[in-house]
Amino acid sequence: MKPRLFHLIAQAKQNMFRSADRVFTGELDISGTQVVALFAIQSKEGCQLKELGSQLQLKNSAITGLVSRMEDSGLIVREPCADDGRANRLYLSSKGADALQRARPLLAAINDQLTQGFTAAELAVVARFLQHAMSIDFHKEP
């Protein structure tokens, strides 16, 4: 019998995000989603809300609320877009950059826990499978 991969992935994702969120909230006083958003903004300083929403796969209402909370807590700065007066660009604040520095060792520890007990060859297969899973669009035929 084939493993129920969709179910296992869904359960693993839920557990990993809940557990990581406890770590980030406890150590950094920010949510796991905010940590992910900070890394995304850092990788593309000056991105617009729609770009961040696309990268995080969040709907407009969710990304608007997330960015507002991050701005209110001083993690990011919104600046008007020179190209489009209706849009804003997002930048890390010094507090956001500091939070990312403090998040790195926490992420390293999480990754160490995730990979513990697996060989390099096994991890390569897992990584290949996850890359494949990220590329699938279930609306299309295989």
Protein backbone atom coordinates (compact mmCIF):
# COMPACT_ATOMS: atom_id res chain seq x y z
CA MET A 1 0.00 0.00 0.00
CA LYS A 2 1.33 3.44 -0.96
CA PRO A 3 1.86 5.92 1.88
CA ARG A 4 -0.75 8.67 2.11
CA LEU A 5 1.75 11.36 1.17
CA PHE A 6 -0.66 14.28 0.92
CA HIS A 7 -1.98 13.55 4.40
CA LEU A 8 1.53 13.06 5.83
CA ILE A 9 2.80 16.29 4.27
CA ALA A 10 -0.20 18.25 5.54
CA GLN A 11 0.26 16.89 9.05
CA ALA A 12 4.03 17.48 8.97
CA LYS A 13 3.56 21.05 7.74
CA GLN A 14 1.04 21.81 10.46
CA ASN A 15 3.27 20.35 13.17
CA MET A 16 6.45 22.03 11.91
CA PHE A 17 4.85 25.46 11.63
CA ARG A 18 3.13 25.20 15.03
CA SER A 19 6.34 24.03 16.70
CA ALA A 20 8.56 26.59 14.93
CA ASP A 21 6.08 29.33 15.76
CA ARG A 22 6.42 28.48 19.46
CA VAL A 23 10.21 28.72 19.15
CA PHE A 24 10.14 32.07 17.31
CA THR A 25 7.47 33.56 19.53
CA GLY A 26 9.25 32.40 22.68
CA GLU A 27 12.76 33.46 21.63
CA LEU A 28 12.12 36.46 19.37
CA ASP A 29 8.60 37.57 20.29
CA ILE A 30 7.59 37.40 16.61
CA SER A 31 5.66 34.76 14.72
CA GLY A 32 7.11 32.20 12.36
CA THR A 33 5.21 33.82 9.49
CA GLN A 34 6.85 37.14 10.33
CA VAL A 35 10.28 35.47 10.32
CA VAL A 36 9.58 33.99 6.88
CA ALA A 37 8.37 37.40 5.65
CA LEU A 38 11.52 39.09 6.99
CA PHE A 39 13.70 36.63 5.05
CA ALA A 40 11.62 37.25 1.92
CA ILE A 41 11.91 41.04 2.28
CA GLN A 42 15.64 40.75 2.92
CA SER A 43 16.06 38.71 -0.27
CA LYS A 44 14.25 41.40 -2.25
CA GLU A 45 14.60 44.72 -0.43
CA GLY A 46 12.09 47.21 -1.75
CA CYS A 47 9.53 44.63 -2.82
CA GLN A 48 5.89 45.58 -3.01
CA LEU A 49 3.09 43.99 -0.99
CA LYS A 50 1.84 42.01 -3.99
CA GLU A 51 5.33 40.55 -4.56
CA LEU A 52 5.63 39.55 -0.90
CA GLY A 53 2.14 38.04 -0.97
CA SER A 54 3.02 36.02 -4.05
CA GLN A 55 6.26 34.78 -2.53
CA LEU A 56 4.55 33.78 0.74
CA GLN A 57 1.47 32.48 -1.10
CA LEU A 58 -0.85 34.67 0.95
CA LYS A 59 -4.04 36.41 -0.17
CA ASN A 60 -4.17 40.22 -0.33
CA SER A 61 -6.08 40.57 2.94
CA ALA A 62 -3.65 38.29 4.79
CA ILE A 63 -0.53 40.04 3.46
CA THR A 64 -1.97 43.46 4.24
CA GLY A 65 -2.61 42.46 7.85
CA LEU A 66 0.78 40.79 8.20
CA VAL A 67 2.65 43.82 6.84
CA SER A 68 0.64 46.18 9.05
CA ARG A 69 1.48 44.16 12.17
CA MET A 70 5.15 44.00 11.19
CA GLU A 71 5.24 47.75 10.56
CA ASP A 72 3.45 48.47 13.86
CA SER A 73 6.01 46.35 15.73
CA GLY A 74 8.90 48.14 14.02
CA LEU A 75 10.21 45.16 12.02
CA ILE A 76 9.80 46.77 8.60
CA VAL A 77 9.42 50.19 7.02
CA ARG A 78 6.99 51.05 4.24
CA GLU A 79 8.05 53.74 1.79
CA PRO A 80 6.07 55.15 -1.13
CA CYS A 81 6.95 53.65 -4.50
CA ALA A 82 8.51 56.19 -6.87
CA ASP A 83 7.04 54.37 -9.89
CA ASP A 84 3.49 53.98 -8.57
CA GLY A 85 2.04 56.51 -6.12
CA ARG A 86 -0.55 53.97 -4.93
CA ALA A 87 2.02 51.34 -3.98
CA ASN A 88 4.57 51.02 -1.20
CA ARG A 89 7.94 49.32 -1.04
CA LEU A 90 9.00 47.24 1.97
CA TYR A 91 12.35 47.42 3.73
CA LEU A 92 13.78 45.84 6.85
CA SER A 93 14.20 48.13 9.82
CA SER A 94 17.20 47.74 12.09
CA LYS A 95 14.91 45.84 14.48
CA GLY A 96 13.86 43.51 11.64
CA ALA A 97 17.48 42.93 10.60
CA ASP A 98 18.37 42.15 14.22
CA ALA A 99 15.45 39.70 14.46
CA LEU A 100 16.75 37.90 11.37
CA GLN A 101 20.22 37.61 12.86
CA ARG A 102 18.72 36.13 16.02
CA ALA A 103 16.48 33.80 13.94
CA ARG A 104 19.36 32.20 12.02
CA PRO A 105 20.66 29.99 14.87
CA LEU A 106 17.09 29.01 15.74
CA LEU A 107 16.51 27.92 12.14
CA ALA A 108 19.81 26.03 12.15
CA ALA A 109 18.69 24.14 15.26
CA ILE A 110 15.31 23.38 13.67
CA ASN A 111 17.04 22.08 10.53
CA ASP A 112 19.38 19.99 12.66
CA GLN A 113 16.37 18.39 14.36
CA LEU A 114 14.67 17.76 11.01
CA THR A 115 17.72 16.07 9.50
CA GLN A 116 18.81 14.09 12.55
CA GLY A 117 19.12 10.38 11.83
CA PHE A 118 19.08 10.68 8.03
CA THR A 119 21.98 10.09 5.69
CA ALA A 120 23.04 12.65 3.09
CA ALA A 121 21.64 10.36 0.38
CA GLU A 122 18.27 10.09 2.14
CA LEU A 123 18.10 13.86 2.60
CA ALA A 124 18.88 14.37 -1.09
CA VAL A 125 15.86 12.20 -1.98
CA VAL A 126 13.64 14.08 0.49
CA ALA A 127 14.79 17.43 -0.93
CA ARG A 128 14.18 16.22 -4.49
CA PHE A 129 10.70 15.00 -3.53
CA LEU A 130 9.83 18.31 -1.86
CA GLN A 131 11.09 20.30 -4.88
CA HIS A 132 8.89 18.09 -7.06
CA ALA A 133 5.90 18.61 -4.74
CA MET A 134 6.39 22.40 -4.91
CA SER A 135 6.23 22.31 -8.73
CA ILE A 136 2.93 20.41 -8.99
CA ASP A 137 -0.29 22.15 -9.94
CA PHE A 138 -3.11 19.73 -9.12
CA HIS A 139 -5.43 21.51 -11.55
CA LYS A 140 -3.31 20.31 -14.47
CA GLU A 141 -2.91 16.83 -15.81
CA PRO A 142 0.45 15.12 -15.02
